[in-house]
C-alpha atoms as a PDB file:
ATOM      1  CA  MET A   1       4.857   8.901 -80.011  1.00  0.00           C
ATOM      2  CA  VAL A   2       5.673   7.892 -76.470  1.00  0.00           C
ATOM      3  CA  GLU A   3       3.986   4.454 -77.496  1.00  0.00           C
ATOM      4  CA  HIS A   4       6.097   4.260 -80.757  1.00  0.00           C
ATOM      5  CA  PHE A   5       9.438   5.127 -79.708  1.00  0.00           C
ATOM      6  CA  GLY A   6       8.809   3.526 -76.139  1.00  0.00           C
ATOM      7  CA  ILE A   7       9.613   6.936 -74.568  1.00  0.00           C
ATOM      8  CA  ASP A   8       9.509   6.464 -70.879  1.00  0.00           C
ATOM      9  CA  GLN A   9       7.931  10.147 -70.414  1.00  0.00           C
ATOM     10  CA  TYR A  10       8.449  10.581 -66.843  1.00  0.00           C
ATOM     11  CA  GLY A  11      12.160   9.660 -66.890  1.00  0.00           C
ATOM     12  CA  SER A  12      15.528  11.135 -67.117  1.00  0.00           C
ATOM     13  CA  CYS A  13      18.162  11.974 -69.570  1.00  0.00           C
ATOM     14  CA  TYR A  14      20.177  10.509 -66.789  1.00  0.00           C
ATOM     15  CA  PRO A  15      21.379   6.712 -66.953  1.00  0.00           C
ATOM     16  CA  ARG A  16      19.376   4.827 -64.213  1.00  0.00           C
ATOM     17  CA  SER A  17      22.632   3.921 -62.461  1.00  0.00           C
ATOM     18  CA  ILE A  18      22.743   7.641 -61.615  1.00  0.00           C
ATOM     19  CA  TYR A  19      19.834   8.463 -60.707  1.00  0.00           C
ATOM     20  CA  ASN A  20      16.270   6.274 -60.785  1.00  0.00           C
ATOM     21  CA  TYR A  21      13.357   8.243 -60.295  1.00  0.00           C
ATOM     22  CA  GLU A  22      11.496   5.164 -59.371  1.00  0.00           C
ATOM     23  CA  ALA A  23      13.344   4.813 -56.571  1.00  0.00           C
ATOM     24  CA  VAL A  24      12.300   7.851 -54.899  1.00  0.00           C
ATOM     25  CA  ASP A  25      11.277   8.080 -51.154  1.00  0.00           C
ATOM     26  CA  GLU A  26       7.850   8.889 -50.895  1.00  0.00           C
ATOM     27  CA  GLY A  27       8.760  11.118 -48.134  1.00  0.00           C
ATOM     28  CA  ASP A  28      10.775  13.107 -51.133  1.00  0.00           C
ATOM     29  CA  MET A  29       7.320  13.816 -53.276  1.00  0.00           C
ATOM     30  CA  TYR A  30       6.249  17.778 -53.638  1.00  0.00           C
ATOM     31  CA  ASP A  31       2.514  16.674 -51.797  1.00  0.00           C
ATOM     32  CA  LYS A  32       4.496  14.474 -48.672  1.00  0.00           C
ATOM     33  CA  LEU A  33       7.461  17.807 -48.623  1.00  0.00           C
ATOM     34  CA  GLU A  34       4.149  20.423 -48.639  1.00  0.00           C
ATOM     35  CA  GLU A  35       2.576  18.251 -45.444  1.00  0.00           C
ATOM     36  CA  GLN A  36       6.255  18.433 -43.654  1.00  0.00           C
ATOM     37  CA  LEU A  37       6.347  22.520 -44.289  1.00  0.00           C
ATOM     38  CA  VAL A  38       3.233  23.089 -42.728  1.00  0.00           C
ATOM     39  CA  GLN A  39       4.009  21.016 -39.976  1.00  0.00           C
ATOM     40  CA  LEU A  40       7.205  22.756 -39.096  1.00  0.00           C
ATOM     41  CA  GLU A  41       5.331  25.969 -39.850  1.00  0.00           C
ATOM     42  CA  GLU A  42       2.324  25.202 -36.925  1.00  0.00           C
ATOM     43  CA  ARG A  43       5.309  24.195 -34.579  1.00  0.00           C
ATOM     44  CA  ARG A  44       7.267  27.521 -34.814  1.00  0.00           C
ATOM     45  CA  ARG A  45       3.833  29.573 -34.374  1.00  0.00           C
ATOM     46  CA  ASN A  46       3.261  27.455 -31.285  1.00  0.00           C
ATOM     47  CA  GLU A  47       6.581  27.998 -30.020  1.00  0.00           C
ATOM     48  CA  ARG A  48       6.754  31.631 -30.887  1.00  0.00           C
ATOM     49  CA  MET A  49       3.391  31.804 -29.107  1.00  0.00           C
ATOM     50  CA  ARG A  50       4.523  30.132 -26.140  1.00  0.00           C
ATOM     51  CA  LEU A  51       7.320  32.155 -25.994  1.00  0.00           C
ATOM     52  CA  GLN A  52       5.581  35.189 -25.951  1.00  0.00           C
ATOM     53  CA  SER A  53       3.148  34.521 -23.314  1.00  0.00           C
ATOM     54  CA  GLU A  54       6.558  33.393 -21.529  1.00  0.00           C
ATOM     55  CA  GLN A  55       7.815  37.457 -21.952  1.00  0.00           C
ATOM     56  CA  GLN A  56       4.072  38.641 -20.779  1.00  0.00           C
ATOM     57  CA  ARG A  57       4.388  36.910 -17.336  1.00  0.00           C
ATOM     58  CA  GLN A  58       7.816  37.593 -16.909  1.00  0.00           C
ATOM     59  CA  ALA A  59       7.469  41.497 -18.015  1.00  0.00           C
ATOM     60  CA  ILE A  60       6.720  43.936 -15.011  1.00  0.00           C
ATOM     61  CA  GLU A  61       4.772  46.913 -16.463  1.00  0.00           C
ATOM     62  CA  PHE A  62       5.426  50.034 -15.472  1.00  0.00           C
ATOM     63  CA  GLN A  63       2.625  52.829 -15.570  1.00  0.00           C
ATOM     64  CA  ARG A  64       3.646  56.674 -15.331  1.00  0.00           C
ATOM     65  CA  ALA A  65       1.530  58.090 -12.268  1.00  0.00           C
ATOM     66  CA  GLY A  66       0.108  61.401 -12.678  1.00  0.00           C
ATOM     67  CA  PHE A  67       0.164  64.236 -10.643  1.00  0.00           C
ATOM     68  CA  VAL A  68      -2.961  64.170  -8.289  1.00  0.00           C
ATOM     69  CA  GLN A  69      -4.523  67.586  -8.572  1.00  0.00           C
ATOM     70  CA  GLN A  70      -6.606  68.967  -5.197  1.00  0.00           C
ATOM     71  CA  HIS A  71      -9.482  71.105  -6.582  1.00  0.00           C
ATOM     72  CA  ARG A  72     -10.227  73.886  -3.981  1.00  0.00           C
ATOM     73  CA  GLN A  73     -13.374  76.109  -4.221  1.00  0.00           C
ATOM     74  CA  GLY A  74     -10.661  79.308  -5.073  1.00  0.00           C
ATOM     75  CA  GLY A  75      -8.620  76.991  -7.119  1.00  0.00           C
ATOM     76  CA  ALA A  76      -5.168  76.113  -7.227  1.00  0.00           C
ATOM     77  CA  ARG A  77      -3.457  78.915  -5.032  1.00  0.00           C
ATOM     78  CA  GLY A  78       0.088  79.915  -6.099  1.00  0.00           C
ATOM     79  CA  ARG A  79       0.483  76.647  -8.015  1.00  0.00           C
ATOM     80  CA  ASP A  80       0.233  75.898 -11.796  1.00  0.00           C
ATOM     81  CA  GLU A  81      -3.236  73.779 -12.455  1.00  0.00           C
ATOM     82  CA  THR A  82      -1.977  71.859 -15.198  1.00  0.00           C
ATOM     83  CA  GLN A  83       1.778  70.400 -13.766  1.00  0.00           C
ATOM     84  CA  GLY A  84       0.886  70.786 -10.208  1.00  0.00           C
ATOM     85  CA  HIS A  85       4.338  72.762 -10.063  1.00  0.00           C
ATOM     86  CA  PRO A  86       4.244  76.823  -8.724  1.00  0.00           C
ATOM     87  CA  PRO A  87       4.402  78.964 -11.177  1.00  0.00           C
ATOM     88  CA  GLN A  88       7.990  80.113 -12.466  1.00  0.00           C
ATOM     89  CA  LYS A  89       9.449  83.554 -12.083  1.00  0.00           C
ATOM     90  CA  LYS A  90      10.885  85.747 -14.955  1.00  0.00           C
ATOM     91  CA  ARG A  91      14.396  85.794 -15.178  1.00  0.00           C
ATOM     92  CA  ARG A  92      16.014  89.301 -16.348  1.00  0.00           C
ATOM     93  CA  ARG A  93      18.968  89.384 -18.065  1.00  0.00           C
ATOM     94  CA  PRO A  94      21.844  91.395 -17.321  1.00  0.00           C
ATOM     95  CA  SER A  95      21.184  93.694 -19.745  1.00  0.00           C
ATOM     96  CA  GLY A  96      17.823  94.682 -18.621  1.00  0.00           C
ATOM     97  CA  TRP A  97      15.548  93.379 -21.685  1.00  0.00           C
ATOM     98  CA  GLN A  98      13.163  90.992 -21.063  1.00  0.00           C
END
């Protein structure tokens, strides 16, 4: 049918003065666009990794220091062993009940 009617199967319904598919730049073909996209993603990933490494070098890491427990033979006298603080006294309510 293509040969019989002389149809250009890759053509367009637009006149060649408006759109000429044969004059499309090679860089606008889908395979070239895909390569450009891969290169762009690679640059973005490299930039992101560079920024993360700079932030890690500039970051100050604070670590929480725990209490140093002193171990005695008799245990921690008068102190709560888990916290390193003296035990709290029970408070009495004004009404008398606890």
